């Protein structure tokens, strides 16, 4: 692709993802997990315990913002703090049994709406293309 084509593709992708994110945020209901909370909880479940600083780096937020997110998760009993066995100066955050239960049992309305839209409005070939693009979008996010 030419530089101009890549710039246009980048613009189109940014606009499309921006619309998707706005639509996802519109489905938020008070009391449900926020997008940052869901992201951190899912990361801890997938990747295991991590320090708050490491989570802030991975989520690309300031440590203070991560502190607020983690405080909310701890308050709800979804994440627990514990001392690092190898370095007692560090605190590790890990998902609790309640957090795992929430992740496995409760699908948000937004996720259900998305799954319904994919099932009803997209062909099998389109569904496969979207699924194939997910790792590429995640890799792009990691490079920004």
Protein backbone atom coordinates (compact mmCIF):
# COMPACT_ATOMS: atom_id res chain seq x y z
CA UNK A 1 0.00 0.00 0.00
CA UNK A 2 1.12 3.55 -0.60
CA UNK A 3 1.65 6.02 2.24
CA UNK A 4 -1.52 7.84 1.18
CA UNK A 5 -3.55 4.61 1.22
CA UNK A 6 -2.21 3.74 4.68
CA UNK A 7 -3.12 7.20 5.97
CA UNK A 8 -6.64 6.86 4.59
CA UNK A 9 -6.99 3.33 6.01
CA UNK A 10 -5.77 4.61 9.40
CA UNK A 11 -8.32 7.41 9.33
CA UNK A 12 -11.13 5.03 8.37
CA UNK A 13 -10.16 2.56 11.09
CA UNK A 14 -9.92 5.31 13.75
CA UNK A 15 -13.36 6.66 12.79
CA UNK A 16 -14.95 3.19 12.73
CA UNK A 17 -13.45 2.18 16.07
CA UNK A 18 -14.45 5.53 17.57
CA UNK A 19 -18.07 4.92 16.53
CA UNK A 20 -17.97 1.40 17.94
CA UNK A 21 -16.53 2.60 21.26
CA UNK A 22 -19.16 5.36 21.55
CA UNK A 23 -21.92 2.82 20.90
CA UNK A 24 -20.45 0.46 23.49
CA UNK A 25 -20.32 3.25 26.06
CA UNK A 26 -23.94 4.17 25.38
CA UNK A 27 -24.94 0.75 26.70
CA UNK A 28 -23.38 1.38 30.13
CA UNK A 29 -25.76 1.00 33.06
CA UNK A 30 -24.94 2.46 36.49
CA UNK A 31 -23.69 -0.33 38.71
CA UNK A 32 -22.17 -2.39 35.90
CA UNK A 33 -18.45 -2.55 35.35
CA UNK A 34 -16.98 0.35 33.42
CA UNK A 35 -14.90 -0.35 30.30
CA UNK A 36 -11.61 0.19 32.20
CA UNK A 37 -12.79 -2.12 34.99
CA UNK A 38 -13.78 -4.82 32.51
CA UNK A 39 -10.47 -4.48 30.73
CA UNK A 40 -8.40 -4.80 33.92
CA UNK A 41 -10.50 -7.66 35.29
CA UNK A 42 -10.21 -9.56 32.00
CA UNK A 43 -6.45 -8.92 31.82
CA UNK A 44 -5.92 -10.21 35.37
CA UNK A 45 -8.00 -13.28 34.57
CA UNK A 46 -6.11 -13.98 31.32
CA UNK A 47 -2.58 -13.05 32.37
CA UNK A 48 -2.56 -13.58 36.13
CA UNK A 49 -1.59 -11.32 39.03
CA UNK A 50 0.16 -8.02 38.31
CA UNK A 51 1.29 -4.92 40.14
CA UNK A 52 -0.79 -1.75 39.82
CA UNK A 53 2.10 -0.06 38.01
CA UNK A 54 2.38 -2.88 35.51
CA UNK A 55 -1.37 -2.77 34.90
CA UNK A 56 -1.22 1.00 34.38
CA UNK A 57 1.54 0.51 31.79
CA UNK A 58 -0.33 -2.29 30.01
CA UNK A 59 -3.59 -0.34 29.95
CA UNK A 60 -1.73 2.85 29.01
CA UNK A 61 -3.19 4.93 31.79
CA UNK A 62 -1.64 6.97 34.58
CA UNK A 63 -0.98 5.11 37.85
CA UNK A 64 -3.51 7.35 39.61
CA UNK A 65 -6.25 6.34 37.15
CA UNK A 66 -5.35 2.68 37.60
CA UNK A 67 -5.54 3.19 41.37
CA UNK A 68 -9.11 4.44 41.04
CA UNK A 69 -10.06 1.53 38.78
CA UNK A 70 -8.48 -1.03 41.11
CA UNK A 71 -10.07 0.55 44.20
CA UNK A 72 -13.50 0.10 42.64
CA UNK A 73 -12.77 -3.53 41.80
CA UNK A 74 -11.41 -4.24 45.30
CA UNK A 75 -14.42 -2.56 46.89
CA UNK A 76 -16.74 -4.86 44.94
CA UNK A 77 -14.70 -7.93 45.91
CA UNK A 78 -13.69 -8.66 42.32
CA UNK A 79 -9.96 -8.08 42.79
CA UNK A 80 -7.73 -8.68 45.83
CA UNK A 81 -4.41 -7.18 46.93
CA UNK A 82 -1.63 -9.31 48.32
CA UNK A 83 2.08 -9.00 48.94
CA UNK A 84 4.38 -10.44 46.30
CA UNK A 85 5.90 -13.66 47.68
CA UNK A 86 9.24 -12.96 45.97
CA UNK A 87 9.43 -9.23 46.78
CA UNK A 88 7.48 -8.18 49.87
CA UNK A 89 7.74 -4.51 48.87
CA UNK A 90 5.44 -5.10 45.88
CA UNK A 91 1.68 -5.51 45.91
CA UNK A 92 0.07 -7.87 43.44
CA UNK A 93 -3.49 -7.55 42.24
CA UNK A 94 -5.37 -10.71 41.33
CA UNK A 95 -8.89 -11.57 40.31
CA UNK A 96 -10.99 -13.16 43.07
CA UNK A 97 -13.36 -16.08 42.74
CA UNK A 98 -16.21 -13.56 42.62
CA UNK A 99 -14.45 -11.75 39.77
CA UNK A 100 -13.96 -14.97 37.83
CA UNK A 101 -17.60 -15.86 38.41
CA UNK A 102 -18.67 -12.47 37.09
CA UNK A 103 -16.52 -12.90 33.98
CA UNK A 104 -17.78 -16.39 33.23
CA UNK A 105 -21.46 -16.08 34.17
CA UNK A 106 -22.47 -12.57 33.30
CA UNK A 107 -22.48 -11.35 29.77
CA UNK A 108 -23.15 -7.67 29.46
CA UNK A 109 -26.08 -6.42 27.47
CA UNK A 110 -23.64 -4.74 25.12
CA UNK A 111 -21.84 -8.00 24.41
CA UNK A 112 -25.14 -9.75 23.84
CA UNK A 113 -26.26 -6.97 21.47
CA UNK A 114 -23.00 -7.28 19.58
CA UNK A 115 -23.30 -11.07 19.33
CA UNK A 116 -26.90 -10.74 18.13
CA UNK A 117 -25.91 -8.17 15.49
CA UNK A 118 -23.08 -10.42 14.30
CA UNK A 119 -25.37 -13.45 14.14
CA UNK A 120 -28.28 -11.71 12.44
CA UNK A 121 -26.68 -9.07 10.22
CA UNK A 122 -23.36 -10.59 9.13
CA UNK A 123 -22.69 -13.55 6.90
CA UNK A 124 -20.50 -16.42 8.07
CA UNK A 125 -17.70 -15.12 5.83
CA UNK A 126 -17.99 -11.63 7.33
CA UNK A 127 -17.97 -13.09 10.85
CA UNK A 128 -14.75 -14.98 10.05
CA UNK A 129 -13.14 -11.79 8.66
CA UNK A 130 -14.01 -9.87 11.83
CA UNK A 131 -12.65 -12.64 14.05
CA UNK A 132 -9.44 -12.77 12.01
CA UNK A 133 -8.98 -9.00 12.43
CA UNK A 134 -9.16 -9.05 16.24
CA UNK A 135 -5.53 -10.09 16.85
CA UNK A 136 -4.37 -7.50 14.32
CA UNK A 137 -6.35 -4.73 16.03
CA UNK A 138 -4.94 -5.81 19.41
CA UNK A 139 -1.40 -5.76 17.94
CA UNK A 140 -1.99 -2.30 16.47
CA UNK A 141 -3.22 -1.06 19.86
CA UNK A 142 -0.05 -2.39 21.43
CA UNK A 143 2.09 -0.49 18.94
CA UNK A 144 0.47 2.92 19.55
